[in-house]
Protein backbone atom coordinates (compact mmCIF):
# COMPACT_ATOMS: atom_id res chain seq x y z
CA UNK A 1 2.50 15.68 23.33
CA UNK A 2 5.24 15.97 20.73
CA UNK A 3 6.24 12.39 21.42
CA UNK A 4 2.67 11.22 20.75
CA UNK A 5 2.60 13.07 17.42
CA UNK A 6 5.93 11.59 16.44
CA UNK A 7 4.76 8.09 17.34
CA UNK A 8 1.56 8.61 15.37
CA UNK A 9 3.46 9.73 12.27
CA UNK A 10 5.83 6.77 12.61
CA UNK A 11 2.91 4.35 12.99
CA UNK A 12 1.05 5.74 9.98
CA UNK A 13 4.21 5.73 7.87
CA UNK A 14 4.83 2.10 8.75
CA UNK A 15 1.23 1.11 7.99
CA UNK A 16 1.27 2.91 4.61
CA UNK A 17 4.56 1.23 3.69
CA UNK A 18 3.32 -2.24 4.64
CA UNK A 19 0.01 -1.77 2.81
CA UNK A 20 1.80 -0.58 -0.33
CA UNK A 21 4.32 -3.41 -0.25
CA UNK A 22 1.73 -6.10 0.50
CA UNK A 23 -0.62 -4.93 -2.25
CA UNK A 24 2.24 -4.68 -4.72
CA UNK A 25 3.25 -8.27 -4.03
CA UNK A 26 -0.39 -9.38 -4.21
CA UNK A 27 -0.78 -7.69 -7.60
CA UNK A 28 2.15 -9.70 -8.92
CA UNK A 29 0.91 -13.01 -7.50
CA UNK A 30 -2.71 -13.11 -8.70
CA UNK A 31 -3.77 -16.77 -9.09
CA UNK A 32 -3.85 -18.09 -12.65
CA UNK A 33 -6.97 -20.20 -12.16
CA UNK A 34 -9.24 -17.13 -12.43
CA UNK A 35 -10.33 -15.91 -15.84
CA UNK A 36 -8.40 -13.18 -17.64
CA UNK A 37 -10.97 -10.51 -16.83
CA UNK A 38 -11.00 -11.42 -13.13
CA UNK A 39 -7.18 -11.41 -13.02
CA UNK A 40 -7.12 -7.98 -14.65
CA UNK A 41 -9.63 -6.64 -12.11
CA UNK A 42 -7.64 -8.04 -9.18
CA UNK A 43 -4.35 -6.68 -10.53
CA UNK A 44 -5.91 -3.27 -11.09
CA UNK A 45 -7.44 -3.23 -7.61
CA UNK A 46 -4.21 -4.28 -5.88
CA UNK A 47 -2.18 -1.82 -7.98
CA UNK A 48 -4.43 1.08 -6.98
CA UNK A 49 -4.09 0.17 -3.30
CA UNK A 50 -0.31 -0.23 -3.70
CA UNK A 51 0.05 3.18 -5.34
CA UNK A 52 -2.13 4.76 -2.64
CA UNK A 53 -0.09 3.17 0.13
CA UNK A 54 3.25 4.12 -1.36
CA UNK A 55 2.10 7.69 -2.07
CA UNK A 56 0.93 7.96 1.54
CA UNK A 57 4.28 6.60 2.70
CA UNK A 58 6.16 9.10 0.53
CA UNK A 59 4.09 12.05 1.73
CA UNK A 60 4.55 11.12 5.39
CA UNK A 61 8.25 10.49 4.89
CA UNK A 62 8.81 13.89 3.29
CA UNK A 63 6.47 16.02 5.42
CA UNK A 64 6.23 13.94 8.59
C-alpha cells in the first residue's frame, strides 16, 4: 500500500510539473495574429495555469 501511495505522489508531481512547464511555454508563445486583448487574455489564462501547476509541484515536492 505504501508503494501505491508513493507512485501516486510521484505521478501527481510529474503531472503538475508538466502542466506548469507547458502552460508557461504556451504563455510565452501566444500567436501574434490575435488582437492585443485576446493575447492578454490568453497570456493571463496560461500564466494562471502555470502558477497553479508549479505551486502544486512545489507542494508535492516538499510534503510528498
